[in-house]
Amino acid sequence: MGHLHLPVNILPKDFYNVDIYKTFTGLVQKYGIDPRNLKLEITETAIMEGLSRQLILLELLRNYGFELRSTIFFRAIIIQNRL
């Protein structure tokens, strides 16, 4: 049987009203979920304000094991900031 992958859409307001890192890491620990099975879907509008802070947060989530899905524009921002 294959692994179940669940997409989770993160709204722009979530970046400002919720500690996303603490929330997601806490939930996967609490319920024994492999973070690689959650696909965090993020639009560029969710990170445009406070870009450097948001990119650090996304990198922390990625390093924890979450897969990040995004638009092409957002991917270009991440690639550019890694150079």
PDB file of N, CA and C in Angstrom:
ATOM      1  N   MET A   1       0.833  -1.170   0.000  1.00  0.00           N
ATOM      2  CA  MET A   1       0.000   0.000   0.000  1.00  0.00           C
ATOM      3  C   MET A   1       0.885   1.243   0.000  1.00  0.00           C
ATOM      4  N   GLY A   2       0.537   2.227  -0.829  1.00  0.00           N
ATOM      5  CA  GLY A   2       1.321   3.458  -0.920  1.00  0.00           C
ATOM      6  C   GLY A   2       1.055   4.388   0.249  1.00  0.00           C
ATOM      7  N   HIS A   3       1.885   5.393   0.362  1.00  0.00           N
ATOM      8  CA  HIS A   3       1.728   6.374   1.430  1.00  0.00           C
ATOM      9  C   HIS A   3       0.649   7.374   1.058  1.00  0.00           C
ATOM     10  N   LEU A   4      -0.105   7.805   2.024  1.00  0.00           N
ATOM     11  CA  LEU A   4      -1.112   8.833   1.831  1.00  0.00           C
ATOM     12  C   LEU A   4      -0.437  10.194   1.938  1.00  0.00           C
ATOM     13  N   HIS A   5      -0.634  11.016   0.938  1.00  0.00           N
ATOM     14  CA  HIS A   5      -0.097  12.376   0.950  1.00  0.00           C
ATOM     15  C   HIS A   5      -1.261  13.346   1.048  1.00  0.00           C
ATOM     16  N   LEU A   6      -1.187  14.249   1.989  1.00  0.00           N
ATOM     17  CA  LEU A   6      -2.269  15.181   2.244  1.00  0.00           C
ATOM     18  C   LEU A   6      -1.816  16.604   1.964  1.00  0.00           C
ATOM     19  N   PRO A   7      -2.468  17.276   0.996  1.00  0.00           N
ATOM     20  CA  PRO A   7      -2.131  18.684   0.759  1.00  0.00           C
ATOM     21  C   PRO A   7      -2.756  19.569   1.834  1.00  0.00           C
ATOM     22  N   VAL A   8      -1.992  20.536   2.312  1.00  0.00           N
ATOM     23  CA  VAL A   8      -2.469  21.473   3.327  1.00  0.00           C
ATOM     24  C   VAL A   8      -2.227  22.875   2.787  1.00  0.00           C
ATOM     25  N   ASN A   9      -3.310  23.603   2.563  1.00  0.00           N
ATOM     26  CA  ASN A   9      -3.214  24.950   2.014  1.00  0.00           C
ATOM     27  C   ASN A   9      -2.996  25.940   3.158  1.00  0.00           C
ATOM     28  N   ILE A  10      -1.932  26.710   3.079  1.00  0.00           N
ATOM     29  CA  ILE A  10      -1.636  27.723   4.088  1.00  0.00           C
ATOM     30  C   ILE A  10      -2.057  29.078   3.529  1.00  0.00           C
ATOM     31  N   LEU A  11      -2.969  29.724   4.230  1.00  0.00           N
ATOM     32  CA  LEU A  11      -3.475  31.026   3.807  1.00  0.00           C
ATOM     33  C   LEU A  11      -2.518  32.131   4.229  1.00  0.00           C
ATOM     34  N   PRO A  12      -2.526  33.242   3.498  1.00  0.00           N
ATOM     35  CA  PRO A  12      -1.637  34.353   3.879  1.00  0.00           C
ATOM     36  C   PRO A  12      -1.824  34.795   5.328  1.00  0.00           C
ATOM     37  N   LYS A  13      -3.067  34.833   5.813  1.00  0.00           N
ATOM     38  CA  LYS A  13      -3.292  35.278   7.198  1.00  0.00           C
ATOM     39  C   LYS A  13      -2.678  34.326   8.221  1.00  0.00           C
ATOM     40  N   ASP A  14      -2.487  33.050   7.833  1.00  0.00           N
ATOM     41  CA  ASP A  14      -1.899  32.079   8.753  1.00  0.00           C
ATOM     42  C   ASP A  14      -0.464  32.443   9.131  1.00  0.00           C
ATOM     43  N   PHE A  15       0.245  33.089   8.233  1.00  0.00           N
ATOM     44  CA  PHE A  15       1.629  33.469   8.510  1.00  0.00           C
ATOM     45  C   PHE A  15       1.711  34.541   9.595  1.00  0.00           C
ATOM     46  N   TYR A  16       0.616  35.262   9.799  1.00  0.00           N
ATOM     47  CA  TYR A  16       0.636  36.370  10.739  1.00  0.00           C
ATOM     48  C   TYR A  16      -0.158  36.090  12.007  1.00  0.00           C
ATOM     49  N   ASN A  17      -1.070  35.107  11.974  1.00  0.00           N
ATOM     50  CA  ASN A  17      -1.936  34.831  13.117  1.00  0.00           C
ATOM     51  C   ASN A  17      -1.590  33.545  13.853  1.00  0.00           C
ATOM     52  N   VAL A  18      -0.743  32.713  13.268  1.00  0.00           N
ATOM     53  CA  VAL A  18      -0.448  31.404  13.837  1.00  0.00           C
ATOM     54  C   VAL A  18       1.065  31.171  13.773  1.00  0.00           C
ATOM     55  N   ASP A  19       1.605  30.505  14.779  1.00  0.00           N
ATOM     56  CA  ASP A  19       3.004  30.079  14.713  1.00  0.00           C
ATOM     57  C   ASP A  19       3.012  28.801  13.875  1.00  0.00           C
ATOM     58  N   ILE A  20       3.201  28.951  12.580  1.00  0.00           N
ATOM     59  CA  ILE A  20       3.069  27.830  11.643  1.00  0.00           C
ATOM     60  C   ILE A  20       4.046  26.710  11.969  1.00  0.00           C
ATOM     61  N   TYR A  21       5.281  27.056  12.242  1.00  0.00           N
ATOM     62  CA  TYR A  21       6.280  26.023  12.525  1.00  0.00           C
ATOM     63  C   TYR A  21       5.878  25.221  13.761  1.00  0.00           C
ATOM     64  N   LYS A  22       5.558  25.905  14.836  1.00  0.00           N
ATOM     65  CA  LYS A  22       5.191  25.230  16.082  1.00  0.00           C
ATOM     66  C   LYS A  22       3.908  24.407  15.903  1.00  0.00           C
ATOM     67  N   THR A  23       2.956  24.944  15.178  1.00  0.00           N
ATOM     68  CA  THR A  23       1.686  24.244  14.961  1.00  0.00           C
ATOM     69  C   THR A  23       1.890  22.952  14.186  1.00  0.00           C
ATOM     70  N   PHE A  24       2.562  23.029  13.050  1.00  0.00           N
ATOM     71  CA  PHE A  24       2.723  21.848  12.198  1.00  0.00           C
ATOM     72  C   PHE A  24       3.661  20.812  12.817  1.00  0.00           C
ATOM     73  N   THR A  25       4.759  21.255  13.393  1.00  0.00           N
ATOM     74  CA  THR A  25       5.663  20.279  14.008  1.00  0.00           C
ATOM     75  C   THR A  25       5.009  19.634  15.230  1.00  0.00           C
ATOM     76  N   GLY A  26       4.242  20.422  15.981  1.00  0.00           N
ATOM     77  CA  GLY A  26       3.543  19.870  17.128  1.00  0.00           C
ATOM     78  C   GLY A  26       2.495  18.836  16.735  1.00  0.00           C
ATOM     79  N   LEU A  27       1.767  19.107  15.649  1.00  0.00           N
ATOM     80  CA  LEU A  27       0.736  18.163  15.203  1.00  0.00           C
ATOM     81  C   LEU A  27       1.332  16.849  14.695  1.00  0.00           C
ATOM     82  N   VAL A  28       2.412  16.932  13.933  1.00  0.00           N
ATOM     83  CA  VAL A  28       2.993  15.677  13.426  1.00  0.00           C
ATOM     84  C   VAL A  28       3.597  14.863  14.567  1.00  0.00           C
ATOM     85  N   GLN A  29       4.150  15.537  15.563  1.00  0.00           N
ATOM     86  CA  GLN A  29       4.684  14.813  16.729  1.00  0.00           C
ATOM     87  C   GLN A  29       3.550  14.190  17.537  1.00  0.00           C
ATOM     88  N   LYS A  30       2.505  14.960  17.776  1.00  0.00           N
ATOM     89  CA  LYS A  30       1.386  14.495  18.594  1.00  0.00           C
ATOM     90  C   LYS A  30       0.699  13.274  17.987  1.00  0.00           C
ATOM     91  N   TYR A  31       0.522  13.289  16.657  1.00  0.00           N
ATOM     92  CA  TYR A  31      -0.228  12.219  15.999  1.00  0.00           C
ATOM     93  C   TYR A  31       0.653  11.202  15.276  1.00  0.00           C
ATOM     94  N   GLY A  32       1.967  11.342  15.400  1.00  0.00           N
ATOM     95  CA  GLY A  32       2.881  10.389  14.791  1.00  0.00           C
ATOM     96  C   GLY A  32       2.825  10.386  13.275  1.00  0.00           C
ATOM     97  N   ILE A  33       2.648  11.557  12.691  1.00  0.00           N
ATOM     98  CA  ILE A  33       2.564  11.695  11.232  1.00  0.00           C
ATOM     99  C   ILE A  33       3.954  11.984  10.678  1.00  0.00           C
ATOM    100  N   ASP A  34       4.289  11.340   9.589  1.00  0.00           N
ATOM    101  CA  ASP A  34       5.540  11.629   8.903  1.00  0.00           C
ATOM    102  C   ASP A  34       5.354  12.955   8.160  1.00  0.00           C
ATOM    103  N   PRO A  35       6.156  13.987   8.473  1.00  0.00           N
ATOM    104  CA  PRO A  35       5.964  15.291   7.829  1.00  0.00           C
ATOM    105  C   PRO A  35       6.100  15.233   6.311  1.00  0.00           C
ATOM    106  N   ARG A  36       6.767  14.210   5.791  1.00  0.00           N
ATOM    107  CA  ARG A  36       6.895  14.085   4.330  1.00  0.00           C
ATOM    108  C   ARG A  36       5.559  13.770   3.673  1.00  0.00           C
ATOM    109  N   ASN A  37       4.580  13.347   4.469  1.00  0.00           N
ATOM    110  CA  ASN A  37       3.259  13.033   3.922  1.00  0.00           C
ATOM    111  C   ASN A  37       2.337  14.240   3.859  1.00  0.00           C
ATOM    112  N   LEU A  38       2.764  15.365   4.436  1.00  0.00           N
ATOM    113  CA  LEU A  38       1.992  16.596   4.341  1.00  0.00           C
ATOM    114  C   LEU A  38       2.638  17.500   3.305  1.00  0.00           C
ATOM    115  N   LYS A  39       1.857  17.915   2.350  1.00  0.00           N
ATOM    116  CA  LYS A  39       2.334  18.802   1.293  1.00  0.00           C
ATOM    117  C   LYS A  39       1.803  20.201   1.578  1.00  0.00           C
ATOM    118  N   LEU A  40       2.654  21.078   2.079  1.00  0.00           N
ATOM    119  CA  LEU A  40       2.239  22.424   2.433  1.00  0.00           C
ATOM    120  C   LEU A  40       2.191  23.279   1.171  1.00  0.00           C
ATOM    121  N   GLU A  41       0.995  23.726   0.834  1.00  0.00           N
ATOM    122  CA  GLU A  41       0.787  24.512  -0.376  1.00  0.00           C
ATOM    123  C   GLU A  41       0.720  25.985  -0.007  1.00  0.00           C
ATOM    124  N   ILE A  42       1.610  26.745  -0.611  1.00  0.00           N
ATOM    125  CA  ILE A  42       1.774  28.151  -0.249  1.00  0.00           C
ATOM    126  C   ILE A  42       1.788  28.998  -1.517  1.00  0.00           C
ATOM    127  N   THR A  43       1.051  30.102  -1.505  1.00  0.00           N
ATOM    128  CA  THR A  43       1.094  31.040  -2.632  1.00  0.00           C
ATOM    129  C   THR A  43       2.068  32.161  -2.300  1.00  0.00           C
ATOM    130  N   GLU A  44       2.527  32.835  -3.323  1.00  0.00           N
ATOM    131  CA  GLU A  44       3.502  33.904  -3.082  1.00  0.00           C
ATOM    132  C   GLU A  44       2.910  35.033  -2.260  1.00  0.00           C
ATOM    133  N   THR A  45       1.598  35.242  -2.324  1.00  0.00           N
ATOM    134  CA  THR A  45       1.001  36.316  -1.527  1.00  0.00           C
ATOM    135  C   THR A  45       1.115  36.042  -0.038  1.00  0.00           C
ATOM    136  N   ALA A  46       1.295  34.789   0.339  1.00  0.00           N
ATOM    137  CA  ALA A  46       1.413  34.432   1.752  1.00  0.00           C
ATOM    138  C   ALA A  46       2.743  34.866   2.354  1.00  0.00           C
ATOM    139  N   ILE A  47       3.727  35.134   1.523  1.00  0.00           N
ATOM    140  CA  ILE A  47       5.050  35.444   2.087  1.00  0.00           C
ATOM    141  C   ILE A  47       5.617  36.789   1.658  1.00  0.00           C
ATOM    142  N   MET A  48       4.896  37.535   0.853  1.00  0.00           N
ATOM    143  CA  MET A  48       5.473  38.759   0.306  1.00  0.00           C
ATOM    144  C   MET A  48       5.788  39.799   1.376  1.00  0.00           C
ATOM    145  N   GLU A  49       4.986  39.883   2.426  1.00  0.00           N
ATOM    146  CA  GLU A  49       5.286  40.820   3.501  1.00  0.00           C
ATOM    147  C   GLU A  49       6.240  40.134   4.476  1.00  0.00           C
ATOM    148  N   GLY A  50       7.347  40.737   4.736  1.00  0.00           N
ATOM    149  CA  GLY A  50       8.346  40.118   5.614  1.00  0.00           C
ATOM    150  C   GLY A  50       9.032  38.949   4.926  1.00  0.00           C
ATOM    151  N   LEU A  51       9.400  39.138   3.675  1.00  0.00           N
ATOM    152  CA  LEU A  51       9.913  38.063   2.828  1.00  0.00           C
ATOM    153  C   LEU A  51      11.065  37.290   3.462  1.00  0.00           C
ATOM    154  N   SER A  52      12.067  37.974   3.987  1.00  0.00           N
ATOM    155  CA  SER A  52      13.227  37.250   4.520  1.00  0.00           C
ATOM    156  C   SER A  52      12.830  36.389   5.722  1.00  0.00           C
ATOM    157  N   ARG A  53      11.965  36.901   6.576  1.00  0.00           N
ATOM    158  CA  ARG A  53      11.488  36.131   7.728  1.00  0.00           C
ATOM    159  C   ARG A  53      10.692  34.910   7.273  1.00  0.00           C
ATOM    160  N   GLN A  54       9.843  35.095   6.277  1.00  0.00           N
ATOM    161  CA  GLN A  54       9.012  33.998   5.776  1.00  0.00           C
ATOM    162  C   GLN A  54       9.872  32.926   5.104  1.00  0.00           C
ATOM    163  N   LEU A  55      10.898  33.336   4.384  1.00  0.00           N
ATOM    164  CA  LEU A  55      11.776  32.358   3.738  1.00  0.00           C
ATOM    165  C   LEU A  55      12.526  31.515   4.769  1.00  0.00           C
ATOM    166  N   ILE A  56      12.913  32.134   5.874  1.00  0.00           N
ATOM    167  CA  ILE A  56      13.564  31.378   6.951  1.00  0.00           C
ATOM    168  C   ILE A  56      12.593  30.350   7.521  1.00  0.00           C
ATOM    169  N   LEU A  57      11.355  30.773   7.751  1.00  0.00           N
ATOM    170  CA  LEU A  57      10.333  29.861   8.264  1.00  0.00           C
ATOM    171  C   LEU A  57      10.104  28.689   7.309  1.00  0.00           C
ATOM    172  N   LEU A  58      10.010  28.975   6.019  1.00  0.00           N
ATOM    173  CA  LEU A  58       9.790  27.913   5.035  1.00  0.00           C
ATOM    174  C   LEU A  58      10.978  26.959   4.974  1.00  0.00           C
ATOM    175  N   GLU A  59      12.163  27.492   5.116  1.00  0.00           N
ATOM    176  CA  GLU A  59      13.361  26.643   5.126  1.00  0.00           C
ATOM    177  C   GLU A  59      13.356  25.729   6.353  1.00  0.00           C
ATOM    178  N   LEU A  60      12.940  26.251   7.496  1.00  0.00           N
ATOM    179  CA  LEU A  60      12.833  25.430   8.711  1.00  0.00           C
ATOM    180  C   LEU A  60      11.821  24.295   8.507  1.00  0.00           C
ATOM    181  N   LEU A  61      10.681  24.606   7.914  1.00  0.00           N
ATOM    182  CA  LEU A  61       9.669  23.579   7.647  1.00  0.00           C
ATOM    183  C   LEU A  61      10.209  22.518   6.688  1.00  0.00           C
ATOM    184  N   ARG A  62      10.892  22.970   5.646  1.00  0.00           N
ATOM    185  CA  ARG A  62      11.469  22.036   4.674  1.00  0.00           C
ATOM    186  C   ARG A  62      12.515  21.149   5.338  1.00  0.00           C
ATOM    187  N   ASN A  63      13.363  21.740   6.169  1.00  0.00           N
ATOM    188  CA  ASN A  63      14.385  20.963   6.866  1.00  0.00           C
ATOM    189  C   ASN A  63      13.788  19.963   7.847  1.00  0.00           C
ATOM    190  N   TYR A  64      12.614  20.264   8.373  1.00  0.00           N
ATOM    191  CA  TYR A  64      11.937  19.347   9.290  1.00  0.00           C
ATOM    192  C   TYR A  64      11.387  18.136   8.542  1.00  0.00           C
ATOM    193  N   GLY A  65      11.181  18.298   7.230  1.00  0.00           N
ATOM    194  CA  GLY A  65      10.703  17.175   6.427  1.00  0.00           C
ATOM    195  C   GLY A  65       9.446  17.446   5.634  1.00  0.00           C
ATOM    196  N   PHE A  66       8.819  18.603   5.850  1.00  0.00           N
ATOM    197  CA  PHE A  66       7.621  18.933   5.092  1.00  0.00           C
ATOM    198  C   PHE A  66       7.976  19.218   3.639  1.00  0.00           C
ATOM    199  N   GLU A  67       7.104  18.810   2.742  1.00  0.00           N
ATOM    200  CA  GLU A  67       7.268  19.164   1.336  1.00  0.00           C
ATOM    201  C   GLU A  67       6.506  20.453   1.101  1.00  0.00           C
ATOM    202  N   LEU A  68       7.162  21.411   0.473  1.00  0.00           N
ATOM    203  CA  LEU A  68       6.535  22.687   0.177  1.00  0.00           C
ATOM    204  C   LEU A  68       6.148  22.720  -1.292  1.00  0.00           C
ATOM    205  N   ARG A  69       4.918  23.077  -1.549  1.00  0.00           N
ATOM    206  CA  ARG A  69       4.448  23.257  -2.918  1.00  0.00           C
ATOM    207  C   ARG A  69       4.082  24.710  -3.084  1.00  0.00           C
ATOM    208  N   SER A  70       4.395  25.227  -4.260  1.00  0.00           N
ATOM    209  CA  SER A  70       4.171  26.644  -4.471  1.00  0.00           C
ATOM    210  C   SER A  70       4.003  26.934  -5.955  1.00  0.00           C
ATOM    211  N   THR A  71       3.691  28.190  -6.243  1.00  0.00           N
ATOM    212  CA  THR A  71       3.577  28.616  -7.625  1.00  0.00           C
ATOM    213  C   THR A  71       4.971  28.791  -8.228  1.00  0.00           C
ATOM    214  N   ILE A  72       5.026  28.896  -9.515  1.00  0.00           N
ATOM    215  CA  ILE A  72       6.304  29.085 -10.220  1.00  0.00           C
ATOM    216  C   ILE A  72       6.993  30.359  -9.753  1.00  0.00           C
ATOM    217  N   PHE A  73       6.247  31.433  -9.553  1.00  0.00           N
ATOM    218  CA  PHE A  73       6.818  32.697  -9.106  1.00  0.00           C
ATOM    219  C   PHE A  73       7.495  32.525  -7.750  1.00  0.00           C
ATOM    220  N   PHE A  74       6.837  31.839  -6.848  1.00  0.00           N
ATOM    221  CA  PHE A  74       7.368  31.612  -5.517  1.00  0.00           C
ATOM    222  C   PHE A  74       8.644  30.781  -5.580  1.00  0.00           C
ATOM    223  N   ARG A  75       8.669  29.773  -6.411  1.00  0.00           N
ATOM    224  CA  ARG A  75       9.879  28.948  -6.566  1.00  0.00           C
ATOM    225  C   ARG A  75      11.052  29.794  -7.045  1.00  0.00           C
ATOM    226  N   ALA A  76      10.785  30.727  -7.937  1.00  0.00           N
ATOM    227  CA  ALA A  76      11.846  31.602  -8.438  1.00  0.00           C
ATOM    228  C   ALA A  76      12.420  32.456  -7.312  1.00  0.00           C
ATOM    229  N   ILE A  77      11.560  32.923  -6.404  1.00  0.00           N
ATOM    230  CA  ILE A  77      12.020  33.718  -5.264  1.00  0.00           C
ATOM    231  C   ILE A  77      12.948  32.879  -4.386  1.00  0.00           C
ATOM    232  N   ILE A  78      12.562  31.649  -4.101  1.00  0.00           N
ATOM    233  CA  ILE A  78      13.375  30.773  -3.256  1.00  0.00           C
ATOM    234  C   ILE A  78      14.726  30.504  -3.910  1.00  0.00           C
ATOM    235  N   ILE A  79      14.729  30.177  -5.183  1.00  0.00           N
ATOM    236  CA  ILE A  79      15.976  29.896  -5.898  1.00  0.00           C
ATOM    237  C   ILE A  79      16.881  31.118  -5.875  1.00  0.00           C
ATOM    238  N   GLN A  80      16.317  32.291  -6.144  1.00  0.00           N
ATOM    239  CA  GLN A  80      17.107  33.518  -6.166  1.00  0.00           C
ATOM    240  C   GLN A  80      17.728  33.794  -4.801  1.00  0.00           C
ATOM    241  N   ASN A  81      17.010  33.547  -3.735  1.00  0.00           N
ATOM    242  CA  ASN A  81      17.521  33.826  -2.389  1.00  0.00           C
ATOM    243  C   ASN A  81      18.558  32.806  -1.934  1.00  0.00           C
ATOM    244  N   ARG A  82      18.625  31.666  -2.578  1.00  0.00           N
ATOM    245  CA  ARG A  82      19.645  30.663  -2.234  1.00  0.00           C
ATOM    246  C   ARG A  82      20.976  30.939  -2.916  1.00  0.00           C
ATOM    247  N   LEU A  83      20.948  31.765  -3.953  1.00  0.00           N
ATOM    248  CA  LEU A  83      22.176  32.059  -4.702  1.00  0.00           C
ATOM    249  C   LEU A  83      23.065  33.017  -3.955  1.00  0.00           C
TER     250      LEU A  83
END
